[in-house]
Amino acid sequence: MKIQQGNQRITDETRIIGQNLMRLRQISGLSQREIAEVLETSFQQVQKYEKGQNRIPSERLHRLKLFFDVPYAVFFEGLNDVTTQPSPRNTQKSIKALTLQIKSLPDRQFRRKLFQAFMILSS
């Protein structure tokens, strides 16, 4: 599905990639400002990426992949079922609860490793 916004079209793909970026950032316990520093851009631009209002350029996606130390596929999770299956509400609540628990862990390095383990298990 495409939504027209100004001269730009927002696609489901752009929105999902942005949501996956937000999920990665939140699980890692990072702020939009910290991600903006990694990408050498403003936190407002990161907000637009996460909301799916702007597409993430390939070179910035590459920086994110290296920074989070995850496969590219992580950013594209959920694209195959965009048109076929919406996410169940209970799953969304469970993911949110798990994310909050992981964010509360004090060791950033441990949070990152834990997230990577979840990504491997979910593939």
PDB file of N, CA and C in Angstrom:
ATOM      1  N   MET A   1       0.842  -1.180   0.000  1.00  0.00           N
ATOM      2  CA  MET A   1       0.000   0.000   0.000  1.00  0.00           C
ATOM      3  C   MET A   1       0.884   1.240   0.000  1.00  0.00           C
ATOM      4  N   LYS A   2       0.501   2.214  -0.813  1.00  0.00           N
ATOM      5  CA  LYS A   2       1.269   3.447  -0.893  1.00  0.00           C
ATOM      6  C   LYS A   2       0.419   4.600  -0.391  1.00  0.00           C
ATOM      7  N   ILE A   3       1.031   5.468   0.373  1.00  0.00           N
ATOM      8  CA  ILE A   3       0.371   6.665   0.872  1.00  0.00           C
ATOM      9  C   ILE A   3       1.127   7.848   0.304  1.00  0.00           C
ATOM     10  N   GLN A   4       0.408   8.766  -0.327  1.00  0.00           N
ATOM     11  CA  GLN A   4       1.049   9.945  -0.897  1.00  0.00           C
ATOM     12  C   GLN A   4       1.237  10.985   0.202  1.00  0.00           C
ATOM     13  N   GLN A   5       2.451  11.503   0.327  1.00  0.00           N
ATOM     14  CA  GLN A   5       2.725  12.559   1.297  1.00  0.00           C
ATOM     15  C   GLN A   5       3.640  13.561   0.611  1.00  0.00           C
ATOM     16  N   GLY A   6       3.070  14.692   0.233  1.00  0.00           N
ATOM     17  CA  GLY A   6       3.852  15.662  -0.517  1.00  0.00           C
ATOM     18  C   GLY A   6       4.206  15.074  -1.865  1.00  0.00           C
ATOM     19  N   ASN A   7       5.466  15.195  -2.251  1.00  0.00           N
ATOM     20  CA  ASN A   7       5.948  14.634  -3.512  1.00  0.00           C
ATOM     21  C   ASN A   7       6.434  13.206  -3.338  1.00  0.00           C
ATOM     22  N   GLN A   8       6.298  12.670  -2.157  1.00  0.00           N
ATOM     23  CA  GLN A   8       6.905  11.393  -1.812  1.00  0.00           C
ATOM     24  C   GLN A   8       5.830  10.351  -1.533  1.00  0.00           C
ATOM     25  N   ARG A   9       6.117   9.121  -1.885  1.00  0.00           N
ATOM     26  CA  ARG A   9       5.211   8.019  -1.556  1.00  0.00           C
ATOM     27  C   ARG A   9       5.798   7.231  -0.403  1.00  0.00           C
ATOM     28  N   ILE A  10       4.962   6.997   0.594  1.00  0.00           N
ATOM     29  CA  ILE A  10       5.376   6.166   1.722  1.00  0.00           C
ATOM     30  C   ILE A  10       4.828   4.771   1.456  1.00  0.00           C
ATOM     31  N   THR A  11       5.721   3.816   1.373  1.00  0.00           N
ATOM     32  CA  THR A  11       5.295   2.447   1.102  1.00  0.00           C
ATOM     33  C   THR A  11       5.304   1.637   2.392  1.00  0.00           C
ATOM     34  N   ASP A  12       4.625   0.509   2.354  1.00  0.00           N
ATOM     35  CA  ASP A  12       4.659  -0.398   3.503  1.00  0.00           C
ATOM     36  C   ASP A  12       6.095  -0.818   3.792  1.00  0.00           C
ATOM     37  N   GLU A  13       6.866  -1.005   2.727  1.00  0.00           N
ATOM     38  CA  GLU A  13       8.254  -1.429   2.899  1.00  0.00           C
ATOM     39  C   GLU A  13       9.055  -0.386   3.684  1.00  0.00           C
ATOM     40  N   THR A  14       8.900   0.882   3.320  1.00  0.00           N
ATOM     41  CA  THR A  14       9.614   1.960   4.013  1.00  0.00           C
ATOM     42  C   THR A  14       9.202   2.016   5.480  1.00  0.00           C
ATOM     43  N   ARG A  15       7.917   1.863   5.721  1.00  0.00           N
ATOM     44  CA  ARG A  15       7.394   1.908   7.091  1.00  0.00           C
ATOM     45  C   ARG A  15       7.924   0.735   7.917  1.00  0.00           C
ATOM     46  N   ILE A  16       7.938  -0.456   7.354  1.00  0.00           N
ATOM     47  CA  ILE A  16       8.393  -1.644   8.086  1.00  0.00           C
ATOM     48  C   ILE A  16       9.889  -1.572   8.370  1.00  0.00           C
ATOM     49  N   ILE A  17      10.669  -1.126   7.409  1.00  0.00           N
ATOM     50  CA  ILE A  17      12.109  -0.975   7.635  1.00  0.00           C
ATOM     51  C   ILE A  17      12.347   0.021   8.769  1.00  0.00           C
ATOM     52  N   GLY A  18      11.589   1.108   8.786  1.00  0.00           N
ATOM     53  CA  GLY A  18      11.701   2.092   9.867  1.00  0.00           C
ATOM     54  C   GLY A  18      11.318   1.508  11.219  1.00  0.00           C
ATOM     55  N   GLN A  19      10.266   0.705  11.242  1.00  0.00           N
ATOM     56  CA  GLN A  19       9.850   0.064  12.494  1.00  0.00           C
ATOM     57  C   GLN A  19      10.923  -0.896  12.994  1.00  0.00           C
ATOM     58  N   ASN A  20      11.563  -1.596  12.075  1.00  0.00           N
ATOM     59  CA  ASN A  20      12.634  -2.511  12.473  1.00  0.00           C
ATOM     60  C   ASN A  20      13.830  -1.750  13.023  1.00  0.00           C
ATOM     61  N   LEU A  21      14.125  -0.586  12.447  1.00  0.00           N
ATOM     62  CA  LEU A  21      15.186   0.260  12.998  1.00  0.00           C
ATOM     63  C   LEU A  21      14.819   0.684  14.419  1.00  0.00           C
ATOM     64  N   MET A  22      13.583   1.118  14.615  1.00  0.00           N
ATOM     65  CA  MET A  22      13.156   1.554  15.943  1.00  0.00           C
ATOM     66  C   MET A  22      13.263   0.397  16.945  1.00  0.00           C
ATOM     67  N   ARG A  23      12.861  -0.783  16.534  1.00  0.00           N
ATOM     68  CA  ARG A  23      12.937  -1.959  17.419  1.00  0.00           C
ATOM     69  C   ARG A  23      14.388  -2.246  17.805  1.00  0.00           C
ATOM     70  N   LEU A  24      15.279  -2.221  16.833  1.00  0.00           N
ATOM     71  CA  LEU A  24      16.707  -2.437  17.110  1.00  0.00           C
ATOM     72  C   LEU A  24      17.230  -1.403  18.102  1.00  0.00           C
ATOM     73  N   ARG A  25      16.885  -0.150  17.843  1.00  0.00           N
ATOM     74  CA  ARG A  25      17.365   0.944  18.694  1.00  0.00           C
ATOM     75  C   ARG A  25      16.844   0.779  20.124  1.00  0.00           C
ATOM     76  N   GLN A  26      15.564   0.494  20.256  1.00  0.00           N
ATOM     77  CA  GLN A  26      14.967   0.369  21.587  1.00  0.00           C
ATOM     78  C   GLN A  26      15.529  -0.827  22.346  1.00  0.00           C
ATOM     79  N   ILE A  27      15.673  -1.941  21.682  1.00  0.00           N
ATOM     80  CA  ILE A  27      16.224  -3.129  22.343  1.00  0.00           C
ATOM     81  C   ILE A  27      17.645  -2.875  22.805  1.00  0.00           C
ATOM     82  N   SER A  28      18.376  -2.086  22.031  1.00  0.00           N
ATOM     83  CA  SER A  28      19.758  -1.759  22.392  1.00  0.00           C
ATOM     84  C   SER A  28      19.829  -0.659  23.441  1.00  0.00           C
ATOM     85  N   GLY A  29      18.689  -0.059  23.778  1.00  0.00           N
ATOM     86  CA  GLY A  29      18.664   0.986  24.794  1.00  0.00           C
ATOM     87  C   GLY A  29      19.292   2.290  24.331  1.00  0.00           C
ATOM     88  N   LEU A  30      19.190   2.576  23.055  1.00  0.00           N
ATOM     89  CA  LEU A  30      19.813   3.774  22.497  1.00  0.00           C
ATOM     90  C   LEU A  30      18.760   4.831  22.181  1.00  0.00           C
ATOM     91  N   SER A  31      19.197   6.070  22.175  1.00  0.00           N
ATOM     92  CA  SER A  31      18.301   7.170  21.823  1.00  0.00           C
ATOM     93  C   SER A  31      18.384   7.444  20.326  1.00  0.00           C
ATOM     94  N   GLN A  32      17.423   8.189  19.830  1.00  0.00           N
ATOM     95  CA  GLN A  32      17.466   8.596  18.425  1.00  0.00           C
ATOM     96  C   GLN A  32      18.687   9.477  18.174  1.00  0.00           C
ATOM     97  N   ARG A  33      19.055  10.253  19.157  1.00  0.00           N
ATOM     98  CA  ARG A  33      20.228  11.125  19.024  1.00  0.00           C
ATOM     99  C   ARG A  33      21.505  10.292  18.852  1.00  0.00           C
ATOM    100  N   GLU A  34      21.618   9.192  19.601  1.00  0.00           N
ATOM    101  CA  GLU A  34      22.800   8.325  19.480  1.00  0.00           C
ATOM    102  C   GLU A  34      22.866   7.671  18.094  1.00  0.00           C
ATOM    103  N   ILE A  35      21.712   7.264  17.588  1.00  0.00           N
ATOM    104  CA  ILE A  35      21.680   6.681  16.244  1.00  0.00           C
ATOM    105  C   ILE A  35      22.020   7.755  15.212  1.00  0.00           C
ATOM    106  N   ALA A  36      21.531   8.960  15.436  1.00  0.00           N
ATOM    107  CA  ALA A  36      21.836  10.066  14.521  1.00  0.00           C
ATOM    108  C   ALA A  36      23.342  10.314  14.440  1.00  0.00           C
ATOM    109  N   GLU A  37      24.031  10.197  15.563  1.00  0.00           N
ATOM    110  CA  GLU A  37      25.488  10.374  15.559  1.00  0.00           C
ATOM    111  C   GLU A  37      26.165   9.299  14.713  1.00  0.00           C
ATOM    112  N   VAL A  38      25.694   8.075  14.839  1.00  0.00           N
ATOM    113  CA  VAL A  38      26.253   6.975  14.044  1.00  0.00           C
ATOM    114  C   VAL A  38      26.052   7.248  12.551  1.00  0.00           C
ATOM    115  N   LEU A  39      24.885   7.786  12.213  1.00  0.00           N
ATOM    116  CA  LEU A  39      24.541   8.027  10.811  1.00  0.00           C
ATOM    117  C   LEU A  39      25.006   9.393  10.308  1.00  0.00           C
ATOM    118  N   GLU A  40      25.547  10.199  11.213  1.00  0.00           N
ATOM    119  CA  GLU A  40      25.973  11.562  10.878  1.00  0.00           C
ATOM    120  C   GLU A  40      24.816  12.359  10.279  1.00  0.00           C
ATOM    121  N   THR A  41      23.709  12.343  11.018  1.00  0.00           N
ATOM    122  CA  THR A  41      22.518  13.076  10.612  1.00  0.00           C
ATOM    123  C   THR A  41      21.836  13.614  11.863  1.00  0.00           C
ATOM    124  N   SER A  42      20.673  14.199  11.725  1.00  0.00           N
ATOM    125  CA  SER A  42      19.949  14.748  12.873  1.00  0.00           C
ATOM    126  C   SER A  42      19.031  13.685  13.477  1.00  0.00           C
ATOM    127  N   PHE A  43      18.665  13.895  14.742  1.00  0.00           N
ATOM    128  CA  PHE A  43      17.740  12.945  15.364  1.00  0.00           C
ATOM    129  C   PHE A  43      16.362  13.055  14.704  1.00  0.00           C
ATOM    130  N   GLN A  44      16.051  14.243  14.151  1.00  0.00           N
ATOM    131  CA  GLN A  44      14.773  14.401  13.457  1.00  0.00           C
ATOM    132  C   GLN A  44      14.719  13.490  12.224  1.00  0.00           C
ATOM    133  N   GLN A  45      15.869  13.342  11.559  1.00  0.00           N
ATOM    134  CA  GLN A  45      15.926  12.454  10.396  1.00  0.00           C
ATOM    135  C   GLN A  45      15.712  11.004  10.834  1.00  0.00           C
ATOM    136  N   VAL A  46      16.291  10.632  11.966  1.00  0.00           N
ATOM    137  CA  VAL A  46      16.093   9.275  12.498  1.00  0.00           C
ATOM    138  C   VAL A  46      14.610   9.065  12.816  1.00  0.00           C
ATOM    139  N   GLN A  47      13.959  10.090  13.376  1.00  0.00           N
ATOM    140  CA  GLN A  47      12.519   9.999  13.644  1.00  0.00           C
ATOM    141  C   GLN A  47      11.752   9.712  12.355  1.00  0.00           C
ATOM    142  N   LYS A  48      12.120  10.411  11.296  1.00  0.00           N
ATOM    143  CA  LYS A  48      11.436  10.214  10.013  1.00  0.00           C
ATOM    144  C   LYS A  48      11.683   8.813   9.460  1.00  0.00           C
ATOM    145  N   TYR A  49      12.893   8.307   9.640  1.00  0.00           N
ATOM    146  CA  TYR A  49      13.174   6.931   9.212  1.00  0.00           C
ATOM    147  C   TYR A  49      12.283   5.962   9.979  1.00  0.00           C
ATOM    148  N   GLU A  50      12.229   6.137  11.298  1.00  0.00           N
ATOM    149  CA  GLU A  50      11.467   5.207  12.139  1.00  0.00           C
ATOM    150  C   GLU A  50       9.972   5.263  11.853  1.00  0.00           C
ATOM    151  N   LYS A  51       9.459   6.429  11.487  1.00  0.00           N
ATOM    152  CA  LYS A  51       8.035   6.570  11.173  1.00  0.00           C
ATOM    153  C   LYS A  51       7.716   6.150   9.742  1.00  0.00           C
ATOM    154  N   GLY A  52       8.764   5.880   8.959  1.00  0.00           N
ATOM    155  CA  GLY A  52       8.556   5.504   7.571  1.00  0.00           C
ATOM    156  C   GLY A  52       8.270   6.690   6.677  1.00  0.00           C
ATOM    157  N   GLN A  53       8.573   7.892   7.156  1.00  0.00           N
ATOM    158  CA  GLN A  53       8.326   9.092   6.363  1.00  0.00           C
ATOM    159  C   GLN A  53       9.431   9.333   5.337  1.00  0.00           C
ATOM    160  N   ASN A  54      10.619   8.856   5.614  1.00  0.00           N
ATOM    161  CA  ASN A  54      11.748   8.947   4.682  1.00  0.00           C
ATOM    162  C   ASN A  54      12.385   7.575   4.547  1.00  0.00           C
ATOM    163  N   ARG A  55      12.869   7.291   3.362  1.00  0.00           N
ATOM    164  CA  ARG A  55      13.579   6.036   3.132  1.00  0.00           C
ATOM    165  C   ARG A  55      15.000   6.152   3.669  1.00  0.00           C
ATOM    166  N   ILE A  56      15.513   5.041   4.176  1.00  0.00           N
ATOM    167  CA  ILE A  56      16.894   5.009   4.672  1.00  0.00           C
ATOM    168  C   ILE A  56      17.805   4.730   3.478  1.00  0.00           C
ATOM    169  N   PRO A  57      18.733   5.647   3.182  1.00  0.00           N
ATOM    170  CA  PRO A  57      19.663   5.397   2.074  1.00  0.00           C
ATOM    171  C   PRO A  57      20.519   4.160   2.342  1.00  0.00           C
ATOM    172  N   SER A  58      20.943   3.506   1.274  1.00  0.00           N
ATOM    173  CA  SER A  58      21.682   2.244   1.403  1.00  0.00           C
ATOM    174  C   SER A  58      22.963   2.395   2.221  1.00  0.00           C
ATOM    175  N   GLU A  59      23.686   3.503   2.060  1.00  0.00           N
ATOM    176  CA  GLU A  59      24.929   3.656   2.831  1.00  0.00           C
ATOM    177  C   GLU A  59      24.645   3.804   4.325  1.00  0.00           C
ATOM    178  N   ARG A  60      23.523   4.411   4.670  1.00  0.00           N
ATOM    179  CA  ARG A  60      23.161   4.522   6.093  1.00  0.00           C
ATOM    180  C   ARG A  60      22.662   3.181   6.624  1.00  0.00           C
ATOM    181  N   LEU A  61      21.965   2.445   5.797  1.00  0.00           N
ATOM    182  CA  LEU A  61      21.535   1.107   6.202  1.00  0.00           C
ATOM    183  C   LEU A  61      22.761   0.230   6.470  1.00  0.00           C
ATOM    184  N   HIS A  62      23.775   0.390   5.656  1.00  0.00           N
ATOM    185  CA  HIS A  62      25.024  -0.358   5.851  1.00  0.00           C
ATOM    186  C   HIS A  62      25.685   0.030   7.180  1.00  0.00           C
ATOM    187  N   ARG A  63      25.712   1.318   7.490  1.00  0.00           N
ATOM    188  CA  ARG A  63      26.275   1.758   8.781  1.00  0.00           C
ATOM    189  C   ARG A  63      25.502   1.153   9.947  1.00  0.00           C
ATOM    190  N   LEU A  64      24.182   1.124   9.827  1.00  0.00           N
ATOM    191  CA  LEU A  64      23.351   0.548  10.891  1.00  0.00           C
ATOM    192  C   LEU A  64      23.628  -0.941  11.050  1.00  0.00           C
ATOM    193  N   LYS A  65      23.755  -1.637   9.939  1.00  0.00           N
ATOM    194  CA  LYS A  65      24.065  -3.071   9.981  1.00  0.00           C
ATOM    195  C   LYS A  65      25.367  -3.316  10.724  1.00  0.00           C
ATOM    196  N   LEU A  66      26.391  -2.528  10.406  1.00  0.00           N
ATOM    197  CA  LEU A  66      27.690  -2.684  11.068  1.00  0.00           C
ATOM    198  C   LEU A  66      27.612  -2.291  12.540  1.00  0.00           C
ATOM    199  N   PHE A  67      26.920  -1.208  12.828  1.00  0.00           N
ATOM    200  CA  PHE A  67      26.816  -0.722  14.202  1.00  0.00           C
ATOM    201  C   PHE A  67      26.107  -1.736  15.102  1.00  0.00           C
ATOM    202  N   PHE A  68      24.969  -2.239  14.645  1.00  0.00           N
ATOM    203  CA  PHE A  68      24.204  -3.197  15.452  1.00  0.00           C
ATOM    204  C   PHE A  68      24.757  -4.616  15.336  1.00  0.00           C
ATOM    205  N   ASP A  69      25.640  -4.835  14.363  1.00  0.00           N
ATOM    206  CA  ASP A  69      26.235  -6.149  14.129  1.00  0.00           C
ATOM    207  C   ASP A  69      25.147  -7.203  13.905  1.00  0.00           C
ATOM    208  N   VAL A  70      24.256  -6.893  12.970  1.00  0.00           N
ATOM    209  CA  VAL A  70      23.159  -7.796  12.613  1.00  0.00           C
ATOM    210  C   VAL A  70      23.159  -7.987  11.096  1.00  0.00           C
ATOM    211  N   PRO A  71      22.544  -9.066  10.618  1.00  0.00           N
ATOM    212  CA  PRO A  71      22.430  -9.236   9.164  1.00  0.00           C
ATOM    213  C   PRO A  71      21.449  -8.211   8.576  1.00  0.00           C
ATOM    214  N   TYR A  72      21.609  -7.916   7.296  1.00  0.00           N
ATOM    215  CA  TYR A  72      20.688  -6.989   6.628  1.00  0.00           C
ATOM    216  C   TYR A  72      19.242  -7.449   6.766  1.00  0.00           C
ATOM    217  N   ALA A  73      19.034  -8.749   6.784  1.00  0.00           N
ATOM    218  CA  ALA A  73      17.679  -9.306   6.836  1.00  0.00           C
ATOM    219  C   ALA A  73      16.870  -8.783   8.017  1.00  0.00           C
ATOM    220  N   VAL A  74      17.541  -8.402   9.091  1.00  0.00           N
ATOM    221  CA  VAL A  74      16.849  -7.885  10.275  1.00  0.00           C
ATOM    222  C   VAL A  74      16.024  -6.652   9.915  1.00  0.00           C
ATOM    223  N   PHE A  75      16.542  -5.820   9.038  1.00  0.00           N
ATOM    224  CA  PHE A  75      15.846  -4.589   8.669  1.00  0.00           C
ATOM    225  C   PHE A  75      14.626  -4.865   7.788  1.00  0.00           C
ATOM    226  N   PHE A  76      14.601  -6.031   7.153  1.00  0.00           N
ATOM    227  CA  PHE A  76      13.531  -6.351   6.214  1.00  0.00           C
ATOM    228  C   PHE A  76      12.528  -7.360   6.770  1.00  0.00           C
ATOM    229  N   GLU A  77      12.660  -7.698   8.042  1.00  0.00           N
ATOM    230  CA  GLU A  77      11.728  -8.648   8.654  1.00  0.00           C
ATOM    231  C   GLU A  77      10.311  -8.107   8.586  1.00  0.00           C
ATOM    232  N   GLY A  78       9.405  -8.972   8.182  1.00  0.00           N
ATOM    233  CA  GLY A  78       8.008  -8.589   8.093  1.00  0.00           C
ATOM    234  C   GLY A  78       7.582  -8.148   6.704  1.00  0.00           C
ATOM    235  N   LEU A  79       8.520  -8.011   5.784  1.00  0.00           N
ATOM    236  CA  LEU A  79       8.160  -7.564   4.436  1.00  0.00           C
ATOM    237  C   LEU A  79       7.402  -8.626   3.658  1.00  0.00           C
ATOM    238  N   ASN A  80       7.739  -9.881   3.829  1.00  0.00           N
ATOM    239  CA  ASN A  80       7.086 -10.941   3.064  1.00  0.00           C
ATOM    240  C   ASN A  80       5.611 -11.072   3.382  1.00  0.00           C
ATOM    241  N   ASP A  81       5.234 -10.747   4.602  1.00  0.00           N
ATOM    242  CA  ASP A  81       3.839 -10.926   4.985  1.00  0.00           C
ATOM    243  C   ASP A  81       3.084  -9.609   5.086  1.00  0.00           C
ATOM    244  N   VAL A  82       3.609  -8.557   4.488  1.00  0.00           N
ATOM    245  CA  VAL A  82       2.952  -7.253   4.537  1.00  0.00           C
ATOM    246  C   VAL A  82       1.537  -7.338   3.990  1.00  0.00           C
ATOM    247  N   THR A  83       1.372  -7.992   2.870  1.00  0.00           N
ATOM    248  CA  THR A  83       0.062  -8.013   2.231  1.00  0.00           C
ATOM    249  C   THR A  83      -0.780  -9.212   2.643  1.00  0.00           C
ATOM    250  N   THR A  84      -0.195 -10.171   3.327  1.00  0.00           N
ATOM    251  CA  THR A  84      -0.937 -11.392   3.615  1.00  0.00           C
ATOM    252  C   THR A  84      -1.410 -11.514   5.055  1.00  0.00           C
ATOM    253  N   GLN A  85      -0.600 -11.101   6.014  1.00  0.00           N
ATOM    254  CA  GLN A  85      -0.979 -11.323   7.405  1.00  0.00           C
ATOM    255  C   GLN A  85      -0.606 -10.133   8.283  1.00  0.00           C
ATOM    256  N   PRO A  86      -1.584  -9.531   8.932  1.00  0.00           N
ATOM    257  CA  PRO A  86      -1.236  -8.509   9.919  1.00  0.00           C
ATOM    258  C   PRO A  86      -0.718  -9.176  11.191  1.00  0.00           C
ATOM    259  N   SER A  87       0.085  -8.460  11.941  1.00  0.00           N
ATOM    260  CA  SER A  87       0.600  -9.008  13.199  1.00  0.00           C
ATOM    261  C   SER A  87      -0.521  -9.081  14.223  1.00  0.00           C
ATOM    262  N   PRO A  88      -0.629 -10.193  14.939  1.00  0.00           N
ATOM    263  CA  PRO A  88      -1.640 -10.291  15.995  1.00  0.00           C
ATOM    264  C   PRO A  88      -1.341  -9.300  17.120  1.00  0.00           C
ATOM    265  N   ARG A  89      -2.387  -8.748  17.691  1.00  0.00           N
ATOM    266  CA  ARG A  89      -2.243  -7.746  18.750  1.00  0.00           C
ATOM    267  C   ARG A  89      -1.491  -8.305  19.959  1.00  0.00           C
ATOM    268  N   ASN A  90      -1.751  -9.554  20.317  1.00  0.00           N
ATOM    269  CA  ASN A  90      -1.073 -10.149  21.474  1.00  0.00           C
ATOM    270  C   ASN A  90       0.427 -10.263  21.250  1.00  0.00           C
ATOM    271  N   THR A  91       0.821 -10.573  20.027  1.00  0.00           N
ATOM    272  CA  THR A  91       2.246 -10.662  19.717  1.00  0.00           C
ATOM    273  C   THR A  91       2.903  -9.306  19.900  1.00  0.00           C
ATOM    274  N   GLN A  92       2.240  -8.258  19.451  1.00  0.00           N
ATOM    275  CA  GLN A  92       2.776  -6.901  19.595  1.00  0.00           C
ATOM    276  C   GLN A  92       2.968  -6.557  21.075  1.00  0.00           C
ATOM    277  N   LYS A  93       1.991  -6.912  21.900  1.00  0.00           N
ATOM    278  CA  LYS A  93       2.097  -6.630  23.338  1.00  0.00           C
ATOM    279  C   LYS A  93       3.252  -7.411  23.958  1.00  0.00           C
ATOM    280  N   SER A  94       3.398  -8.671  23.561  1.00  0.00           N
ATOM    281  CA  SER A  94       4.480  -9.499  24.097  1.00  0.00           C
ATOM    282  C   SER A  94       5.841  -8.942  23.708  1.00  0.00           C
ATOM    283  N   ILE A  95       5.964  -8.520  22.458  1.00  0.00           N
ATOM    284  CA  ILE A  95       7.232  -7.950  21.990  1.00  0.00           C
ATOM    285  C   ILE A  95       7.545  -6.674  22.758  1.00  0.00           C
ATOM    286  N   LYS A  96       6.532  -5.850  22.969  1.00  0.00           N
ATOM    287  CA  LYS A  96       6.738  -4.594  23.704  1.00  0.00           C
ATOM    288  C   LYS A  96       7.182  -4.879  25.143  1.00  0.00           C
ATOM    289  N   ALA A  97       6.541  -5.846  25.793  1.00  0.00           N
ATOM    290  CA  ALA A  97       6.910  -6.195  27.168  1.00  0.00           C
ATOM    291  C   ALA A  97       8.339  -6.729  27.229  1.00  0.00           C
ATOM    292  N   LEU A  98       8.687  -7.588  26.288  1.00  0.00           N
ATOM    293  CA  LEU A  98      10.038  -8.136  26.244  1.00  0.00           C
ATOM    294  C   LEU A  98      11.063  -7.037  25.991  1.00  0.00           C
ATOM    295  N   THR A  99      10.741  -6.121  25.091  1.00  0.00           N
ATOM    296  CA  THR A  99      11.633  -5.002  24.789  1.00  0.00           C
ATOM    297  C   THR A  99      11.891  -4.164  26.035  1.00  0.00           C
ATOM    298  N   LEU A 100      10.847  -3.884  26.793  1.00  0.00           N
ATOM    299  CA  LEU A 100      11.010  -3.094  28.021  1.00  0.00           C
ATOM    300  C   LEU A 100      11.893  -3.819  29.034  1.00  0.00           C
ATOM    301  N   GLN A 101      11.724  -5.124  29.140  1.00  0.00           N
ATOM    302  CA  GLN A 101      12.557  -5.890  30.066  1.00  0.00           C
ATOM    303  C   GLN A 101      14.014  -5.874  29.635  1.00  0.00           C
ATOM    304  N   ILE A 102      14.251  -6.039  28.349  1.00  0.00           N
ATOM    305  CA  ILE A 102      15.630  -6.024  27.851  1.00  0.00           C
ATOM    306  C   ILE A 102      16.250  -4.648  28.046  1.00  0.00           C
ATOM    307  N   LYS A 103      15.476  -3.595  27.780  1.00  0.00           N
ATOM    308  CA  LYS A 103      15.990  -2.231  27.941  1.00  0.00           C
ATOM    309  C   LYS A 103      16.402  -1.943  29.378  1.00  0.00           C
ATOM    310  N   SER A 104      15.771  -2.619  30.336  1.00  0.00           N
ATOM    311  CA  SER A 104      16.077  -2.354  31.743  1.00  0.00           C
ATOM    312  C   SER A 104      17.382  -3.012  32.194  1.00  0.00           C
ATOM    313  N   LEU A 105      17.939  -3.882  31.371  1.00  0.00           N
ATOM    314  CA  LEU A 105      19.219  -4.514  31.723  1.00  0.00           C
ATOM    315  C   LEU A 105      20.325  -3.463  31.688  1.00  0.00           C
ATOM    316  N   PRO A 106      21.179  -3.415  32.710  1.00  0.00           N
ATOM    317  CA  PRO A 106      22.174  -2.339  32.794  1.00  0.00           C
ATOM    318  C   PRO A 106      23.347  -2.458  31.820  1.00  0.00           C
ATOM    319  N   ASP A 107      23.689  -3.656  31.399  1.00  0.00           N
ATOM    320  CA  ASP A 107      24.875  -3.863  30.571  1.00  0.00           C
ATOM    321  C   ASP A 107      24.517  -3.782  29.081  1.00  0.00           C
ATOM    322  N   ARG A 108      24.951  -2.714  28.417  1.00  0.00           N
ATOM    323  CA  ARG A 108      24.623  -2.480  27.008  1.00  0.00           C
ATOM    324  C   ARG A 108      25.142  -3.607  26.120  1.00  0.00           C
ATOM    325  N   GLN A 109      26.350  -4.056  26.376  1.00  0.00           N
ATOM    326  CA  GLN A 109      26.952  -5.129  25.572  1.00  0.00           C
ATOM    327  C   GLN A 109      26.123  -6.412  25.702  1.00  0.00           C
ATOM    328  N   PHE A 110      25.676  -6.714  26.928  1.00  0.00           N
ATOM    329  CA  PHE A 110      24.850  -7.899  27.154  1.00  0.00           C
ATOM    330  C   PHE A 110      23.514  -7.767  26.421  1.00  0.00           C
ATOM    331  N   ARG A 111      22.914  -6.560  26.454  1.00  0.00           N
ATOM    332  CA  ARG A 111      21.649  -6.334  25.746  1.00  0.00           C
ATOM    333  C   ARG A 111      21.818  -6.620  24.260  1.00  0.00           C
ATOM    334  N   ARG A 112      22.917  -6.141  23.698  1.00  0.00           N
ATOM    335  CA  ARG A 112      23.169  -6.336  22.271  1.00  0.00           C
ATOM    336  C   ARG A 112      23.318  -7.824  21.947  1.00  0.00           C
ATOM    337  N   LYS A 113      24.070  -8.558  22.771  1.00  0.00           N
ATOM    338  CA  LYS A 113      24.274  -9.998  22.547  1.00  0.00           C
ATOM    339  C   LYS A 113      22.954 -10.762  22.706  1.00  0.00           C
ATOM    340  N   LEU A 114      22.166 -10.368  23.702  1.00  0.00           N
ATOM    341  CA  LEU A 114      20.873 -11.003  23.920  1.00  0.00           C
ATOM    342  C   LEU A 114      19.968 -10.780  22.711  1.00  0.00           C
ATOM    343  N   PHE A 115      19.977  -9.567  22.199  1.00  0.00           N
ATOM    344  CA  PHE A 115      19.176  -9.265  21.022  1.00  0.00           C
ATOM    345  C   PHE A 115      19.621 -10.120  19.839  1.00  0.00           C
ATOM    346  N   GLN A 116      20.929 -10.258  19.647  1.00  0.00           N
ATOM    347  CA  GLN A 116      21.440 -11.070  18.540  1.00  0.00           C
ATOM    348  C   GLN A 116      20.994 -12.526  18.682  1.00  0.00           C
ATOM    349  N   ALA A 117      20.983 -13.018  19.911  1.00  0.00           N
ATOM    350  CA  ALA A 117      20.521 -14.390  20.146  1.00  0.00           C
ATOM    351  C   ALA A 117      19.043 -14.531  19.764  1.00  0.00           C
ATOM    352  N   PHE A 118      18.223 -13.542  20.122  1.00  0.00           N
ATOM    353  CA  PHE A 118      16.808 -13.569  19.751  1.00  0.00           C
ATOM    354  C   PHE A 118      16.638 -13.554  18.237  1.00  0.00           C
ATOM    355  N   MET A 119      17.466 -12.774  17.555  1.00  0.00           N
ATOM    356  CA  MET A 119      17.368 -12.686  16.102  1.00  0.00           C
ATOM    357  C   MET A 119      17.697 -14.039  15.459  1.00  0.00           C
ATOM    358  N   ILE A 120      18.698 -14.714  15.993  1.00  0.00           N
ATOM    359  CA  ILE A 120      19.071 -16.031  15.466  1.00  0.00           C
ATOM    360  C   ILE A 120      17.937 -17.029  15.707  1.00  0.00           C
ATOM    361  N   LEU A 121      17.371 -17.000  16.903  1.00  0.00           N
ATOM    362  CA  LEU A 121      16.293 -17.930  17.235  1.00  0.00           C
ATOM    363  C   LEU A 121      15.030 -17.678  16.420  1.00  0.00           C
ATOM    364  N   SER A 122      14.787 -16.424  16.071  1.00  0.00           N
ATOM    365  CA  SER A 122      13.557 -16.110  15.341  1.00  0.00           C
ATOM    366  C   SER A 122      13.670 -16.359  13.843  1.00  0.00           C
ATOM    367  N   SER A 123      14.895 -16.616  13.352  1.00  0.00           N
ATOM    368  CA  SER A 123      15.040 -16.860  11.904  1.00  0.00           C
ATOM    369  C   SER A 123      14.644 -18.256  11.520  1.00  0.00           C
TER     370      SER A 123
END
